[in-house]
Amino acid sequence: MGWFRQAPGKEREFVAAISWSSRSTGYADSV
């Protein structure tokens, strides 16, 4: 699963993601 976001006037960007086992997660540097 992942979360993305799109601000006004900007492209959609990656925010965070998680493996289905929850063993691994990843984040954008900004968050």
ModelCIF file with pLDDT and N, C-alpha, C, O atoms, coordinates in Angstrom:
data_MODEL
#
_entry.id   MODEL 
#
_entity.id                         1 
_entity.type                       polymer 
_entity.pdbx_number_of_molecules   1 
#
_entity_poly.entity_id                      1 
_entity_poly.type                           'polypeptide(L)' 
_entity_poly.nstd_linkage                   no 
_entity_poly.nstd_monomer                   no 
_entity_poly.pdbx_seq_one_letter_code       MGWFRQAPGKEREFVAAISWSSRSTGYADSV 
_entity_poly.pdbx_seq_one_letter_code_can   MGWFRQAPGKEREFVAAISWSSRSTGYADSV 
_entity_poly.pdbx_strand_id                 A 
#
loop_
_entity_poly_seq.entity_id 
_entity_poly_seq.num 
_entity_poly_seq.mon_id 
_entity_poly_seq.hetero 
1 1  MET n 
1 2  GLY n 
1 3  TRP n 
1 4  PHE n 
1 5  ARG n 
1 6  GLN n 
1 7  ALA n 
1 8  PRO n 
1 9  GLY n 
1 10 LYS n 
1 11 GLU n 
1 12 ARG n 
1 13 GLU n 
1 14 PHE n 
1 15 VAL n 
1 16 ALA n 
1 17 ALA n 
1 18 ILE n 
1 19 SER n 
1 20 TRP n 
1 21 SER n 
1 22 SER n 
1 23 ARG n 
1 24 SER n 
1 25 THR n 
1 26 GLY n 
1 27 TYR n 
1 28 ALA n 
1 29 ASP n 
1 30 SER n 
1 31 VAL n 
#
_struct_asym.id          A 
_struct_asym.entity_id   1 
#
loop_
_ma_qa_metric.id 
_ma_qa_metric.mode 
_ma_qa_metric.name 
_ma_qa_metric.software_group_id 
_ma_qa_metric.type 
1 global pLDDT . pLDDT 
2 local  pLDDT . pLDDT 
#
_ma_qa_metric_global.metric_id      1 
_ma_qa_metric_global.metric_value   96.39 
_ma_qa_metric_global.model_id       1 
_ma_qa_metric_global.ordinal_id     1 
#
loop_
_ma_qa_metric_local.label_asym_id 
_ma_qa_metric_local.label_comp_id 
_ma_qa_metric_local.label_seq_id 
_ma_qa_metric_local.metric_id 
_ma_qa_metric_local.metric_value 
_ma_qa_metric_local.model_id 
_ma_qa_metric_local.ordinal_id 
A MET 1  2 97.00 1 1  
A GLY 2  2 98.00 1 2  
A TRP 3  2 98.00 1 3  
A PHE 4  2 98.00 1 4  
A ARG 5  2 98.00 1 5  
A GLN 6  2 98.00 1 6  
A ALA 7  2 97.00 1 7  
A PRO 8  2 92.00 1 8  
A GLY 9  2 94.00 1 9  
A LYS 10 2 96.00 1 10 
A GLU 11 2 97.00 1 11 
A ARG 12 2 98.00 1 12 
A GLU 13 2 98.00 1 13 
A PHE 14 2 98.00 1 14 
A VAL 15 2 98.00 1 15 
A ALA 16 2 98.00 1 16 
A ALA 17 2 98.00 1 17 
A ILE 18 2 97.00 1 18 
A SER 19 2 96.00 1 19 
A TRP 20 2 90.00 1 20 
A SER 21 2 90.00 1 21 
A SER 22 2 92.00 1 22 
A ARG 23 2 93.00 1 23 
A SER 24 2 96.00 1 24 
A THR 25 2 97.00 1 25 
A GLY 26 2 97.00 1 26 
A TYR 27 2 98.00 1 27 
A ALA 28 2 98.00 1 28 
A ASP 29 2 98.00 1 29 
A SER 30 2 97.00 1 30 
A VAL 31 2 98.00 1 31 
#
loop_
_atom_site.group_PDB 
_atom_site.id 
_atom_site.type_symbol 
_atom_site.label_atom_id 
_atom_site.label_alt_id 
_atom_site.label_comp_id 
_atom_site.label_asym_id 
_atom_site.label_entity_id 
_atom_site.label_seq_id 
_atom_site.pdbx_PDB_ins_code 
_atom_site.Cartn_x 
_atom_site.Cartn_y 
_atom_site.Cartn_z 
_atom_site.occupancy 
_atom_site.B_iso_or_equiv 
_atom_site.pdbx_formal_charge 
_atom_site.auth_seq_id 
_atom_site.auth_comp_id 
_atom_site.auth_asym_id 
_atom_site.auth_atom_id 
_atom_site.pdbx_PDB_model_num 
ATOM 1   N N  . MET A 1 1  ? 0.824  -1.201 0.000   1.00 97.00 ? 1  MET A N  1 
ATOM 2   C CA . MET A 1 1  ? 0.000  0.000  0.000   1.00 97.00 ? 1  MET A CA 1 
ATOM 3   C C  . MET A 1 1  ? 0.857  1.248  0.000   1.00 97.00 ? 1  MET A C  1 
ATOM 4   O O  . MET A 1 1  ? 1.982  1.251  0.501   1.00 97.00 ? 1  MET A O  1 
ATOM 5   N N  . GLY A 1 2  ? 0.312  2.299  -0.565  1.00 98.00 ? 2  GLY A N  1 
ATOM 6   C CA . GLY A 1 2  ? 1.059  3.549  -0.600  1.00 98.00 ? 2  GLY A CA 1 
ATOM 7   C C  . GLY A 1 2  ? 0.147  4.745  -0.445  1.00 98.00 ? 2  GLY A C  1 
ATOM 8   O O  . GLY A 1 2  ? -1.059 4.670  -0.680  1.00 98.00 ? 2  GLY A O  1 
ATOM 9   N N  . TRP A 1 3  ? 0.745  5.838  -0.047  1.00 98.00 ? 3  TRP A N  1 
ATOM 10  C CA . TRP A 1 3  ? 0.062  7.131  0.001   1.00 98.00 ? 3  TRP A CA 1 
ATOM 11  C C  . TRP A 1 3  ? 0.794  8.086  -0.944  1.00 98.00 ? 3  TRP A C  1 
ATOM 12  O O  . TRP A 1 3  ? 2.023  8.148  -0.967  1.00 98.00 ? 3  TRP A O  1 
ATOM 13  N N  . PHE A 1 4  ? 0.017  8.811  -1.705  1.00 98.00 ? 4  PHE A N  1 
ATOM 14  C CA . PHE A 1 4  ? 0.528  9.842  -2.592  1.00 98.00 ? 4  PHE A CA 1 
ATOM 15  C C  . PHE A 1 4  ? -0.258 11.124 -2.321  1.00 98.00 ? 4  PHE A C  1 
ATOM 16  O O  . PHE A 1 4  ? -1.307 11.092 -1.678  1.00 98.00 ? 4  PHE A O  1 
ATOM 17  N N  . ARG A 1 5  ? 0.249  12.242 -2.810  1.00 98.00 ? 5  ARG A N  1 
ATOM 18  C CA . ARG A 1 5  ? -0.487 13.490 -2.643  1.00 98.00 ? 5  ARG A CA 1 
ATOM 19  C C  . ARG A 1 5  ? -0.290 14.379 -3.860  1.00 98.00 ? 5  ARG A C  1 
ATOM 20  O O  . ARG A 1 5  ? 0.698  14.279 -4.587  1.00 98.00 ? 5  ARG A O  1 
ATOM 21  N N  . GLN A 1 6  ? -1.275 15.256 -4.052  1.00 98.00 ? 6  GLN A N  1 
ATOM 22  C CA . GLN A 1 6  ? -1.201 16.208 -5.152  1.00 98.00 ? 6  GLN A CA 1 
ATOM 23  C C  . GLN A 1 6  ? -1.638 17.568 -4.650  1.00 98.00 ? 6  GLN A C  1 
ATOM 24  O O  . GLN A 1 6  ? -2.785 17.769 -4.251  1.00 98.00 ? 6  GLN A O  1 
ATOM 25  N N  . ALA A 1 7  ? -0.700 18.494 -4.679  1.00 97.00 ? 7  ALA A N  1 
ATOM 26  C CA . ALA A 1 7  ? -0.969 19.870 -4.288  1.00 97.00 ? 7  ALA A CA 1 
ATOM 27  C C  . ALA A 1 7  ? -1.478 20.646 -5.502  1.00 97.00 ? 7  ALA A C  1 
ATOM 28  O O  . ALA A 1 7  ? -1.231 20.246 -6.640  1.00 97.00 ? 7  ALA A O  1 
ATOM 29  N N  . PRO A 1 8  ? -2.179 21.738 -5.272  1.00 92.00 ? 8  PRO A N  1 
ATOM 30  C CA . PRO A 1 8  ? -2.695 22.537 -6.396  1.00 92.00 ? 8  PRO A CA 1 
ATOM 31  C C  . PRO A 1 8  ? -1.586 22.964 -7.345  1.00 92.00 ? 8  PRO A C  1 
ATOM 32  O O  . PRO A 1 8  ? -0.573 23.521 -6.923  1.00 92.00 ? 8  PRO A O  1 
ATOM 33  N N  . GLY A 1 9  ? -1.786 22.700 -8.616  1.00 94.00 ? 9  GLY A N  1 
ATOM 34  C CA . GLY A 1 9  ? -0.817 23.107 -9.616  1.00 94.00 ? 9  GLY A CA 1 
ATOM 35  C C  . GLY A 1 9  ? 0.426  22.242 -9.702  1.00 94.00 ? 9  GLY A C  1 
ATOM 36  O O  . GLY A 1 9  ? 1.357  22.560 -10.441 1.00 94.00 ? 9  GLY A O  1 
ATOM 37  N N  . LYS A 1 10 ? 0.444  21.153 -8.952  1.00 96.00 ? 10 LYS A N  1 
ATOM 38  C CA . LYS A 1 10 ? 1.626  20.281 -8.952  1.00 96.00 ? 10 LYS A CA 1 
ATOM 39  C C  . LYS A 1 10 ? 1.240  18.867 -9.343  1.00 96.00 ? 10 LYS A C  1 
ATOM 40  O O  . LYS A 1 10 ? 0.066  18.498 -9.314  1.00 96.00 ? 10 LYS A O  1 
ATOM 41  N N  . GLU A 1 11 ? 2.234  18.086 -9.707  1.00 97.00 ? 11 GLU A N  1 
ATOM 42  C CA . GLU A 1 11 ? 2.001  16.688 -10.043 1.00 97.00 ? 11 GLU A CA 1 
ATOM 43  C C  . GLU A 1 11 ? 1.849  15.864 -8.759  1.00 97.00 ? 11 GLU A C  1 
ATOM 44  O O  . GLU A 1 11 ? 2.332  16.236 -7.690  1.00 97.00 ? 11 GLU A O  1 
ATOM 45  N N  . ARG A 1 12 ? 1.176  14.761 -8.909  1.00 98.00 ? 12 ARG A N  1 
ATOM 46  C CA . ARG A 1 12 ? 1.023  13.850 -7.773  1.00 98.00 ? 12 ARG A CA 1 
ATOM 47  C C  . ARG A 1 12 ? 2.389  13.260 -7.419  1.00 98.00 ? 12 ARG A C  1 
ATOM 48  O O  . ARG A 1 12 ? 3.173  12.905 -8.299  1.00 98.00 ? 12 ARG A O  1 
ATOM 49  N N  . GLU A 1 13 ? 2.655  13.162 -6.124  1.00 98.00 ? 13 GLU A N  1 
ATOM 50  C CA . GLU A 1 13 ? 3.962  12.690 -5.678  1.00 98.00 ? 13 GLU A CA 1 
ATOM 51  C C  . GLU A 1 13 ? 3.825  11.634 -4.592  1.00 98.00 ? 13 GLU A C  1 
ATOM 52  O O  . GLU A 1 13 ? 2.821  11.558 -3.884  1.00 98.00 ? 13 GLU A O  1 
ATOM 53  N N  . PHE A 1 14 ? 4.855  10.835 -4.490  1.00 98.00 ? 14 PHE A N  1 
ATOM 54  C CA . PHE A 1 14 ? 4.929  9.779  -3.484  1.00 98.00 ? 14 PHE A CA 1 
ATOM 55  C C  . PHE A 1 14 ? 5.074  10.379 -2.094  1.00 98.00 ? 14 PHE A C  1 
ATOM 56  O O  . PHE A 1 14 ? 5.783  11.368 -1.908  1.00 98.00 ? 14 PHE A O  1 
ATOM 57  N N  . VAL A 1 15 ? 4.396  9.774  -1.113  1.00 98.00 ? 15 VAL A N  1 
ATOM 58  C CA . VAL A 1 15 ? 4.510  10.194 0.278   1.00 98.00 ? 15 VAL A CA 1 
ATOM 59  C C  . VAL A 1 15 ? 5.078  9.076  1.142   1.00 98.00 ? 15 VAL A C  1 
ATOM 60  O O  . VAL A 1 15 ? 6.087  9.267  1.819   1.00 98.00 ? 15 VAL A O  1 
ATOM 61  N N  . ALA A 1 16 ? 4.433  7.910  1.122   1.00 98.00 ? 16 ALA A N  1 
ATOM 62  C CA . ALA A 1 16 ? 4.860  6.806  1.982   1.00 98.00 ? 16 ALA A CA 1 
ATOM 63  C C  . ALA A 1 16 ? 4.313  5.500  1.423   1.00 98.00 ? 16 ALA A C  1 
ATOM 64  O O  . ALA A 1 16 ? 3.324  5.492  0.689   1.00 98.00 ? 16 ALA A O  1 
ATOM 65  N N  . ALA A 1 17 ? 4.966  4.395  1.778   1.00 98.00 ? 17 ALA A N  1 
ATOM 66  C CA . ALA A 1 17 ? 4.519  3.084  1.324   1.00 98.00 ? 17 ALA A CA 1 
ATOM 67  C C  . ALA A 1 17 ? 4.877  2.035  2.358   1.00 98.00 ? 17 ALA A C  1 
ATOM 68  O O  . ALA A 1 17 ? 5.773  2.219  3.182   1.00 98.00 ? 17 ALA A O  1 
ATOM 69  N N  . ILE A 1 18 ? 4.144  0.919  2.288   1.00 97.00 ? 18 ILE A N  1 
ATOM 70  C CA . ILE A 1 18 ? 4.366  -0.164 3.252   1.00 97.00 ? 18 ILE A CA 1 
ATOM 71  C C  . ILE A 1 18 ? 4.163  -1.495 2.558   1.00 97.00 ? 18 ILE A C  1 
ATOM 72  O O  . ILE A 1 18 ? 3.270  -1.635 1.723   1.00 97.00 ? 18 ILE A O  1 
ATOM 73  N N  . SER A 1 19 ? 4.983  -2.466 2.897   1.00 96.00 ? 19 SER A N  1 
ATOM 74  C CA . SER A 1 19 ? 4.835  -3.810 2.336   1.00 96.00 ? 19 SER A CA 1 
ATOM 75  C C  . SER A 1 19 ? 3.617  -4.489 2.948   1.00 96.00 ? 19 SER A C  1 
ATOM 76  O O  . SER A 1 19 ? 3.101  -4.048 3.975   1.00 96.00 ? 19 SER A O  1 
ATOM 77  N N  . TRP A 1 20 ? 3.160  -5.570 2.307   1.00 90.00 ? 20 TRP A N  1 
ATOM 78  C CA . TRP A 1 20 ? 1.943  -6.187 2.849   1.00 90.00 ? 20 TRP A CA 1 
ATOM 79  C C  . TRP A 1 20 ? 2.185  -6.871 4.181   1.00 90.00 ? 20 TRP A C  1 
ATOM 80  O O  . TRP A 1 20 ? 1.249  -7.099 4.946   1.00 90.00 ? 20 TRP A O  1 
ATOM 81  N N  . SER A 1 21 ? 3.443  -7.198 4.460   1.00 90.00 ? 21 SER A N  1 
ATOM 82  C CA . SER A 1 21 ? 3.778  -7.802 5.749   1.00 90.00 ? 21 SER A CA 1 
ATOM 83  C C  . SER A 1 21 ? 4.040  -6.764 6.832   1.00 90.00 ? 21 SER A C  1 
ATOM 84  O O  . SER A 1 21 ? 4.186  -7.113 8.004   1.00 90.00 ? 21 SER A O  1 
ATOM 85  N N  . SER A 1 22 ? 4.099  -5.482 6.446   1.00 92.00 ? 22 SER A N  1 
ATOM 86  C CA . SER A 1 22 ? 4.479  -4.367 7.331   1.00 92.00 ? 22 SER A CA 1 
ATOM 87  C C  . SER A 1 22 ? 5.954  -4.390 7.706   1.00 92.00 ? 22 SER A C  1 
ATOM 88  O O  . SER A 1 22 ? 6.386  -3.581 8.527   1.00 92.00 ? 22 SER A O  1 
ATOM 89  N N  . ARG A 1 23 ? 6.738  -5.294 7.126   1.00 93.00 ? 23 ARG A N  1 
ATOM 90  C CA . ARG A 1 23 ? 8.160  -5.387 7.474   1.00 93.00 ? 23 ARG A CA 1 
ATOM 91  C C  . ARG A 1 23 ? 8.945  -4.201 6.945   1.00 93.00 ? 23 ARG A C  1 
ATOM 92  O O  . ARG A 1 23 ? 9.947  -3.791 7.531   1.00 93.00 ? 23 ARG A O  1 
ATOM 93  N N  . SER A 1 24 ? 8.473  -3.652 5.821   1.00 96.00 ? 24 SER A N  1 
ATOM 94  C CA . SER A 1 24 ? 9.224  -2.573 5.177   1.00 96.00 ? 24 SER A CA 1 
ATOM 95  C C  . SER A 1 24 ? 8.340  -1.363 4.950   1.00 96.00 ? 24 SER A C  1 
ATOM 96  O O  . SER A 1 24 ? 7.177  -1.479 4.565   1.00 96.00 ? 24 SER A O  1 
ATOM 97  N N  . THR A 1 25 ? 8.923  -0.193 5.200   1.00 97.00 ? 25 THR A N  1 
ATOM 98  C CA . THR A 1 25 ? 8.235  1.063  4.918   1.00 97.00 ? 25 THR A CA 1 
ATOM 99  C C  . THR A 1 25 ? 9.203  2.028  4.249   1.00 97.00 ? 25 THR A C  1 
ATOM 100 O O  . THR A 1 25 ? 10.419 1.926  4.409   1.00 97.00 ? 25 THR A O  1 
ATOM 101 N N  . GLY A 1 26 ? 8.642  2.959  3.501   1.00 97.00 ? 26 GLY A N  1 
ATOM 102 C CA . GLY A 1 26 ? 9.459  3.971  2.842   1.00 97.00 ? 26 GLY A CA 1 
ATOM 103 C C  . GLY A 1 26 ? 8.755  5.305  2.856   1.00 97.00 ? 26 GLY A C  1 
ATOM 104 O O  . GLY A 1 26 ? 7.526  5.370  2.862   1.00 97.00 ? 26 GLY A O  1 
ATOM 105 N N  . TYR A 1 27 ? 9.545  6.384  2.860   1.00 98.00 ? 27 TYR A N  1 
ATOM 106 C CA . TYR A 1 27 ? 8.988  7.722  2.959   1.00 98.00 ? 27 TYR A CA 1 
ATOM 107 C C  . TYR A 1 27 ? 9.704  8.683  2.016   1.00 98.00 ? 27 TYR A C  1 
ATOM 108 O O  . TYR A 1 27 ? 10.887 8.524  1.715   1.00 98.00 ? 27 TYR A O  1 
ATOM 109 N N  . ALA A 1 28 ? 8.964  9.670  1.565   1.00 98.00 ? 28 ALA A N  1 
ATOM 110 C CA . ALA A 1 28 ? 9.585  10.765 0.844   1.00 98.00 ? 28 ALA A CA 1 
ATOM 111 C C  . ALA A 1 28 ? 10.412 11.577 1.836   1.00 98.00 ? 28 ALA A C  1 
ATOM 112 O O  . ALA A 1 28 ? 10.065 11.668 3.013   1.00 98.00 ? 28 ALA A O  1 
ATOM 113 N N  . ASP A 1 29 ? 11.483 12.154 1.365   1.00 98.00 ? 29 ASP A N  1 
ATOM 114 C CA . ASP A 1 29 ? 12.360 12.940 2.247   1.00 98.00 ? 29 ASP A CA 1 
ATOM 115 C C  . ASP A 1 29 ? 11.595 14.070 2.927   1.00 98.00 ? 29 ASP A C  1 
ATOM 116 O O  . ASP A 1 29 ? 11.890 14.428 4.067   1.00 98.00 ? 29 ASP A O  1 
ATOM 117 N N  . SER A 1 30 ? 10.621 14.625 2.230   1.00 97.00 ? 30 SER A N  1 
ATOM 118 C CA . SER A 1 30 ? 9.887  15.777 2.748   1.00 97.00 ? 30 SER A CA 1 
ATOM 119 C C  . SER A 1 30 ? 9.016  15.451 3.964   1.00 97.00 ? 30 SER A C  1 
ATOM 120 O O  . SER A 1 30 ? 8.620  16.348 4.708   1.00 97.00 ? 30 SER A O  1 
ATOM 121 N N  . VAL A 1 31 ? 8.718  14.155 4.161   1.00 98.00 ? 31 VAL A N  1 
ATOM 122 C CA . VAL A 1 31 ? 7.843  13.787 5.290   1.00 98.00 ? 31 VAL A CA 1 
ATOM 123 C C  . VAL A 1 31 ? 8.541  12.882 6.287   1.00 98.00 ? 31 VAL A C  1 
ATOM 124 O O  . VAL A 1 31 ? 7.941  12.487 7.287   1.00 98.00 ? 31 VAL A O  1 
#
